Amino acid sequence: MPDFQRHTARCPPGKAAIGCGAEAQGNDAILVGSFPMDGADGWTGPGRQPRYSTVGIPVYVICAYR
């Protein structure tokens, strides 16, 4: 599906995600999920935005040393 994308934000090596989130931005943008990546080294936010080739789903992560 061309209007579906998975956006991620990763922590630098040696750090883990301690706070995170994702949001839908733009016309008809839909956040499908918001969850940690395997290993807790980042965050993923999949989303859809019909009729657009890119999806307005910014993903944020706050990282700290493990």
PDB file of N, CA and C in Angstrom:
ATOM      1  N   MET A   1       0.849  -1.176   0.000  1.00  0.00           N
ATOM      2  CA  MET A   1       0.000   0.000   0.000  1.00  0.00           C
ATOM      3  C   MET A   1       0.898   1.244   0.000  1.00  0.00           C
ATOM      4  N   PRO A   2       0.865   2.076  -1.012  1.00  0.00           N
ATOM      5  CA  PRO A   2       1.767   3.222  -1.100  1.00  0.00           C
ATOM      6  C   PRO A   2       1.508   4.307  -0.069  1.00  0.00           C
ATOM      7  N   ASP A   3       0.308   4.354   0.503  1.00  0.00           N
ATOM      8  CA  ASP A   3       0.013   5.399   1.477  1.00  0.00           C
ATOM      9  C   ASP A   3       0.267   4.933   2.914  1.00  0.00           C
ATOM     10  N   PHE A   4       0.949   3.795   3.112  1.00  0.00           N
ATOM     11  CA  PHE A   4       1.285   3.280   4.444  1.00  0.00           C
ATOM     12  C   PHE A   4       2.796   3.330   4.615  1.00  0.00           C
ATOM     13  N   GLN A   5       3.259   3.880   5.731  1.00  0.00           N
ATOM     14  CA  GLN A   5       4.692   3.922   6.013  1.00  0.00           C
ATOM     15  C   GLN A   5       4.919   3.693   7.498  1.00  0.00           C
ATOM     16  N   ARG A   6       6.110   3.194   7.813  1.00  0.00           N
ATOM     17  CA  ARG A   6       6.525   2.983   9.192  1.00  0.00           C
ATOM     18  C   ARG A   6       7.701   3.921   9.457  1.00  0.00           C
ATOM     19  N   HIS A   7       7.523   4.868  10.350  1.00  0.00           N
ATOM     20  CA  HIS A   7       8.576   5.812  10.694  1.00  0.00           C
ATOM     21  C   HIS A   7       9.200   5.400  12.031  1.00  0.00           C
ATOM     22  N   THR A   8      10.504   5.619  12.179  1.00  0.00           N
ATOM     23  CA  THR A   8      11.187   5.231  13.409  1.00  0.00           C
ATOM     24  C   THR A   8      12.114   6.348  13.884  1.00  0.00           C
ATOM     25  N   ALA A   9      12.376   6.321  15.172  1.00  0.00           N
ATOM     26  CA  ALA A   9      13.375   7.195  15.787  1.00  0.00           C
ATOM     27  C   ALA A   9      14.236   6.283  16.656  1.00  0.00           C
ATOM     28  N   ARG A  10      15.548   6.340  16.463  1.00  0.00           N
ATOM     29  CA  ARG A  10      16.466   5.448  17.182  1.00  0.00           C
ATOM     30  C   ARG A  10      17.329   6.213  18.169  1.00  0.00           C
ATOM     31  N   CYS A  11      17.688   5.510  19.245  1.00  0.00           N
ATOM     32  CA  CYS A  11      18.627   6.047  20.223  1.00  0.00           C
ATOM     33  C   CYS A  11      20.053   5.769  19.743  1.00  0.00           C
ATOM     34  N   PRO A  12      21.010   6.587  20.161  1.00  0.00           N
ATOM     35  CA  PRO A  12      22.405   6.291  19.833  1.00  0.00           C
ATOM     36  C   PRO A  12      22.868   5.021  20.558  1.00  0.00           C
ATOM     37  N   PRO A  13      23.935   4.393  20.086  1.00  0.00           N
ATOM     38  CA  PRO A  13      24.437   3.187  20.735  1.00  0.00           C
ATOM     39  C   PRO A  13      24.692   3.405  22.228  1.00  0.00           C
ATOM     40  N   GLY A  14      24.319   2.421  23.048  1.00  0.00           N
ATOM     41  CA  GLY A  14      24.514   2.497  24.487  1.00  0.00           C
ATOM     42  C   GLY A  14      23.385   3.170  25.240  1.00  0.00           C
ATOM     43  N   LYS A  15      22.381   3.669  24.517  1.00  0.00           N
ATOM     44  CA  LYS A  15      21.248   4.325  25.171  1.00  0.00           C
ATOM     45  C   LYS A  15      19.964   3.549  24.879  1.00  0.00           C
ATOM     46  N   ALA A  16      18.977   3.722  25.771  1.00  0.00           N
ATOM     47  CA  ALA A  16      17.681   3.069  25.625  1.00  0.00           C
ATOM     48  C   ALA A  16      16.579   4.120  25.633  1.00  0.00           C
ATOM     49  N   ALA A  17      15.479   3.791  24.994  1.00  0.00           N
ATOM     50  CA  ALA A  17      14.327   4.687  24.952  1.00  0.00           C
ATOM     51  C   ALA A  17      13.635   4.692  26.314  1.00  0.00           C
ATOM     52  N   ILE A  18      13.409   5.896  26.869  1.00  0.00           N
ATOM     53  CA  ILE A  18      12.700   6.008  28.147  1.00  0.00           C
ATOM     54  C   ILE A  18      11.412   6.817  28.019  1.00  0.00           C
ATOM     55  N   GLY A  19      11.245   7.486  26.920  1.00  0.00           N
ATOM     56  CA  GLY A  19      10.032   8.244  26.645  1.00  0.00           C
ATOM     57  C   GLY A  19       9.881   8.371  25.148  1.00  0.00           C
ATOM     58  N   CYS A  20       8.663   8.226  24.668  1.00  0.00           N
ATOM     59  CA  CYS A  20       8.509   8.179  23.214  1.00  0.00           C
ATOM     60  C   CYS A  20       7.091   8.541  22.815  1.00  0.00           C
ATOM     61  N   GLY A  21       6.902   8.689  21.515  1.00  0.00           N
ATOM     62  CA  GLY A  21       5.574   8.918  20.994  1.00  0.00           C
ATOM     63  C   GLY A  21       5.580   9.143  19.501  1.00  0.00           C
ATOM     64  N   ALA A  22       4.393   9.175  18.941  1.00  0.00           N
ATOM     65  CA  ALA A  22       4.202   9.433  17.520  1.00  0.00           C
ATOM     66  C   ALA A  22       2.870  10.145  17.372  1.00  0.00           C
ATOM     67  N   GLU A  23       2.733  10.913  16.303  1.00  0.00           N
ATOM     68  CA  GLU A  23       1.474  11.607  16.081  1.00  0.00           C
ATOM     69  C   GLU A  23       1.181  11.709  14.599  1.00  0.00           C
ATOM     70  N   ALA A  24      -0.092  11.822  14.271  1.00  0.00           N
ATOM     71  CA  ALA A  24      -0.524  11.991  12.891  1.00  0.00           C
ATOM     72  C   ALA A  24      -0.591  13.478  12.590  1.00  0.00           C
ATOM     73  N   GLN A  25       0.040  13.894  11.492  1.00  0.00           N
ATOM     74  CA  GLN A  25       0.006  15.298  11.070  1.00  0.00           C
ATOM     75  C   GLN A  25      -0.326  15.361   9.591  1.00  0.00           C
ATOM     76  N   GLY A  26      -1.196  16.262   9.233  1.00  0.00           N
ATOM     77  CA  GLY A  26      -1.547  16.455   7.831  1.00  0.00           C
ATOM     78  C   GLY A  26      -2.955  15.968   7.532  1.00  0.00           C
ATOM     79  N   ASN A  27      -3.415  16.313   6.335  1.00  0.00           N
ATOM     80  CA  ASN A  27      -4.758  15.941   5.903  1.00  0.00           C
ATOM     81  C   ASN A  27      -4.936  14.433   5.882  1.00  0.00           C
ATOM     82  N   ASP A  28      -5.908  13.958   6.602  1.00  0.00           N
ATOM     83  CA  ASP A  28      -6.299  12.542   6.622  1.00  0.00           C
ATOM     84  C   ASP A  28      -5.224  11.596   7.150  1.00  0.00           C
ATOM     85  N   ALA A  29      -4.184  12.105   7.823  1.00  0.00           N
ATOM     86  CA  ALA A  29      -3.147  11.230   8.381  1.00  0.00           C
ATOM     87  C   ALA A  29      -3.738  10.423   9.532  1.00  0.00           C
ATOM     88  N   ILE A  30      -3.396   9.140   9.586  1.00  0.00           N
ATOM     89  CA  ILE A  30      -3.914   8.231  10.607  1.00  0.00           C
ATOM     90  C   ILE A  30      -2.753   7.499  11.240  1.00  0.00           C
ATOM     91  N   LEU A  31      -2.592   7.614  12.550  1.00  0.00           N
ATOM     92  CA  LEU A  31      -1.592   6.858  13.284  1.00  0.00           C
ATOM     93  C   LEU A  31      -2.154   5.463  13.527  1.00  0.00           C
ATOM     94  N   VAL A  32      -1.454   4.443  13.040  1.00  0.00           N
ATOM     95  CA  VAL A  32      -1.932   3.067  13.143  1.00  0.00           C
ATOM     96  C   VAL A  32      -1.417   2.397  14.417  1.00  0.00           C
ATOM     97  N   GLY A  33      -0.275   2.838  14.918  1.00  0.00           N
ATOM     98  CA  GLY A  33       0.294   2.262  16.132  1.00  0.00           C
ATOM     99  C   GLY A  33       1.418   3.145  16.653  1.00  0.00           C
ATOM    100  N   SER A  34       1.900   2.816  17.840  1.00  0.00           N
ATOM    101  CA  SER A  34       3.006   3.537  18.451  1.00  0.00           C
ATOM    102  C   SER A  34       3.601   2.597  19.488  1.00  0.00           C
ATOM    103  N   PHE A  35       4.831   2.098  19.216  1.00  0.00           N
ATOM    104  CA  PHE A  35       5.378   1.066  20.093  1.00  0.00           C
ATOM    105  C   PHE A  35       6.902   1.046  20.057  1.00  0.00           C
ATOM    106  N   PRO A  36       7.525   0.439  21.102  1.00  0.00           N
ATOM    107  CA  PRO A  36       8.988   0.372  21.155  1.00  0.00           C
ATOM    108  C   PRO A  36       9.542  -0.608  20.133  1.00  0.00           C
ATOM    109  N   MET A  37      10.765  -0.342  19.701  1.00  0.00           N
ATOM    110  CA  MET A  37      11.464  -1.258  18.807  1.00  0.00           C
ATOM    111  C   MET A  37      12.079  -2.382  19.636  1.00  0.00           C
ATOM    112  N   ASP A  38      12.378  -3.500  19.010  1.00  0.00           N
ATOM    113  CA  ASP A  38      13.055  -4.600  19.701  1.00  0.00           C
ATOM    114  C   ASP A  38      14.343  -4.090  20.331  1.00  0.00           C
ATOM    115  N   GLY A  39      14.597  -4.478  21.557  1.00  0.00           N
ATOM    116  CA  GLY A  39      15.807  -4.055  22.240  1.00  0.00           C
ATOM    117  C   GLY A  39      15.686  -2.711  22.927  1.00  0.00           C
ATOM    118  N   ALA A  40      14.527  -2.085  22.857  1.00  0.00           N
ATOM    119  CA  ALA A  40      14.266  -0.790  23.497  1.00  0.00           C
ATOM    120  C   ALA A  40      15.223   0.303  23.042  1.00  0.00           C
ATOM    121  N   ASP A  41      15.740   0.198  21.805  1.00  0.00           N
ATOM    122  CA  ASP A  41      16.676   1.218  21.324  1.00  0.00           C
ATOM    123  C   ASP A  41      16.026   2.260  20.429  1.00  0.00           C
ATOM    124  N   GLY A  42      14.689   2.313  20.430  1.00  0.00           N
ATOM    125  CA  GLY A  42      13.999   3.304  19.622  1.00  0.00           C
ATOM    126  C   GLY A  42      12.496   3.109  19.657  1.00  0.00           C
ATOM    127  N   TRP A  43      11.809   3.845  18.795  1.00  0.00           N
ATOM    128  CA  TRP A  43      10.351   3.831  18.769  1.00  0.00           C
ATOM    129  C   TRP A  43       9.873   3.796  17.331  1.00  0.00           C
ATOM    130  N   THR A  44       8.727   3.169  17.095  1.00  0.00           N
ATOM    131  CA  THR A  44       8.152   3.035  15.759  1.00  0.00           C
ATOM    132  C   THR A  44       6.733   3.588  15.749  1.00  0.00           C
ATOM    133  N   GLY A  45       6.401   4.280  14.678  1.00  0.00           N
ATOM    134  CA  GLY A  45       5.045   4.796  14.499  1.00  0.00           C
ATOM    135  C   GLY A  45       4.574   4.559  13.077  1.00  0.00           C
ATOM    136  N   PRO A  46       3.840   3.483  12.839  1.00  0.00           N
ATOM    137  CA  PRO A  46       3.285   3.254  11.510  1.00  0.00           C
ATOM    138  C   PRO A  46       2.037   4.097  11.287  1.00  0.00           C
ATOM    139  N   GLY A  47       1.811   4.490  10.037  1.00  0.00           N
ATOM    140  CA  GLY A  47       0.636   5.298   9.756  1.00  0.00           C
ATOM    141  C   GLY A  47       0.236   5.272   8.298  1.00  0.00           C
ATOM    142  N   ARG A  48      -0.928   5.855   8.042  1.00  0.00           N
ATOM    143  CA  ARG A  48      -1.482   5.937   6.694  1.00  0.00           C
ATOM    144  C   ARG A  48      -1.860   7.376   6.400  1.00  0.00           C
ATOM    145  N   GLN A  49      -1.796   7.732   5.130  1.00  0.00           N
ATOM    146  CA  GLN A  49      -2.286   9.027   4.682  1.00  0.00           C
ATOM    147  C   GLN A  49      -2.759   8.850   3.242  1.00  0.00           C
ATOM    148  N   PRO A  50      -4.043   8.513   3.079  1.00  0.00           N
ATOM    149  CA  PRO A  50      -4.583   8.249   1.742  1.00  0.00           C
ATOM    150  C   PRO A  50      -4.334   9.405   0.778  1.00  0.00           C
ATOM    151  N   ARG A  51      -4.048   9.045  -0.452  1.00  0.00           N
ATOM    152  CA  ARG A  51      -3.838   9.990  -1.556  1.00  0.00           C
ATOM    153  C   ARG A  51      -2.513  10.746  -1.493  1.00  0.00           C
ATOM    154  N   TYR A  52      -1.593  10.361  -0.621  1.00  0.00           N
ATOM    155  CA  TYR A  52      -0.290  11.020  -0.522  1.00  0.00           C
ATOM    156  C   TYR A  52       0.818   9.985  -0.637  1.00  0.00           C
ATOM    157  N   SER A  53       1.950  10.363  -1.220  1.00  0.00           N
ATOM    158  CA  SER A  53       3.067   9.416  -1.365  1.00  0.00           C
ATOM    159  C   SER A  53       3.928   9.345  -0.111  1.00  0.00           C
ATOM    160  N   THR A  54       3.827  10.341   0.765  1.00  0.00           N
ATOM    161  CA  THR A  54       4.522  10.297   2.050  1.00  0.00           C
ATOM    162  C   THR A  54       3.482  10.449   3.154  1.00  0.00           C
ATOM    163  N   VAL A  55       3.816   9.944   4.326  1.00  0.00           N
ATOM    164  CA  VAL A  55       2.871   9.944   5.434  1.00  0.00           C
ATOM    165  C   VAL A  55       3.364  10.883   6.525  1.00  0.00           C
ATOM    166  N   GLY A  56       2.496  11.760   7.007  1.00  0.00           N
ATOM    167  CA  GLY A  56       2.852  12.722   8.047  1.00  0.00           C
ATOM    168  C   GLY A  56       2.765  12.109   9.438  1.00  0.00           C
ATOM    169  N   ILE A  57       3.740  11.272   9.794  1.00  0.00           N
ATOM    170  CA  ILE A  57       3.778  10.627  11.107  1.00  0.00           C
ATOM    171  C   ILE A  57       5.156  10.880  11.723  1.00  0.00           C
ATOM    172  N   PRO A  58       5.343  11.994  12.426  1.00  0.00           N
ATOM    173  CA  PRO A  58       6.619  12.189  13.113  1.00  0.00           C
ATOM    174  C   PRO A  58       6.691  11.289  14.351  1.00  0.00           C
ATOM    175  N   VAL A  59       7.891  10.798  14.628  1.00  0.00           N
ATOM    176  CA  VAL A  59       8.130   9.912  15.773  1.00  0.00           C
ATOM    177  C   VAL A  59       9.195  10.563  16.650  1.00  0.00           C
ATOM    178  N   TYR A  60       8.980  10.524  17.952  1.00  0.00           N
ATOM    179  CA  TYR A  60       9.888  11.152  18.909  1.00  0.00           C
ATOM    180  C   TYR A  60      10.394  10.111  19.900  1.00  0.00           C
ATOM    181  N   VAL A  61      11.652  10.252  20.328  1.00  0.00           N
ATOM    182  CA  VAL A  61      12.189   9.330  21.332  1.00  0.00           C
ATOM    183  C   VAL A  61      13.106  10.113  22.275  1.00  0.00           C
ATOM    184  N   ILE A  62      13.005   9.802  23.550  1.00  0.00           N
ATOM    185  CA  ILE A  62      13.903  10.347  24.572  1.00  0.00           C
ATOM    186  C   ILE A  62      14.780   9.192  25.029  1.00  0.00           C
ATOM    187  N   CYS A  63      16.081   9.395  24.999  1.00  0.00           N
ATOM    188  CA  CYS A  63      17.029   8.318  25.281  1.00  0.00           C
ATOM    189  C   CYS A  63      17.851   8.614  26.532  1.00  0.00           C
ATOM    190  N   ALA A  64      18.264   7.550  27.219  1.00  0.00           N
ATOM    191  CA  ALA A  64      19.122   7.666  28.403  1.00  0.00           C
ATOM    192  C   ALA A  64      20.107   6.504  28.383  1.00  0.00           C
ATOM    193  N   TYR A  65      21.247   6.680  29.072  1.00  0.00           N
ATOM    194  CA  TYR A  65      22.203   5.577  29.168  1.00  0.00           C
ATOM    195  C   TYR A  65      21.573   4.393  29.856  1.00  0.00           C
ATOM    196  N   ARG A  66      21.919   3.216  29.400  1.00  0.00           N
ATOM    197  CA  ARG A  66      21.372   1.973  29.970  1.00  0.00           C
ATOM    198  C   ARG A  66      21.923   1.740  31.350  1.00  0.00           C
TER     199      ARG A  66
END
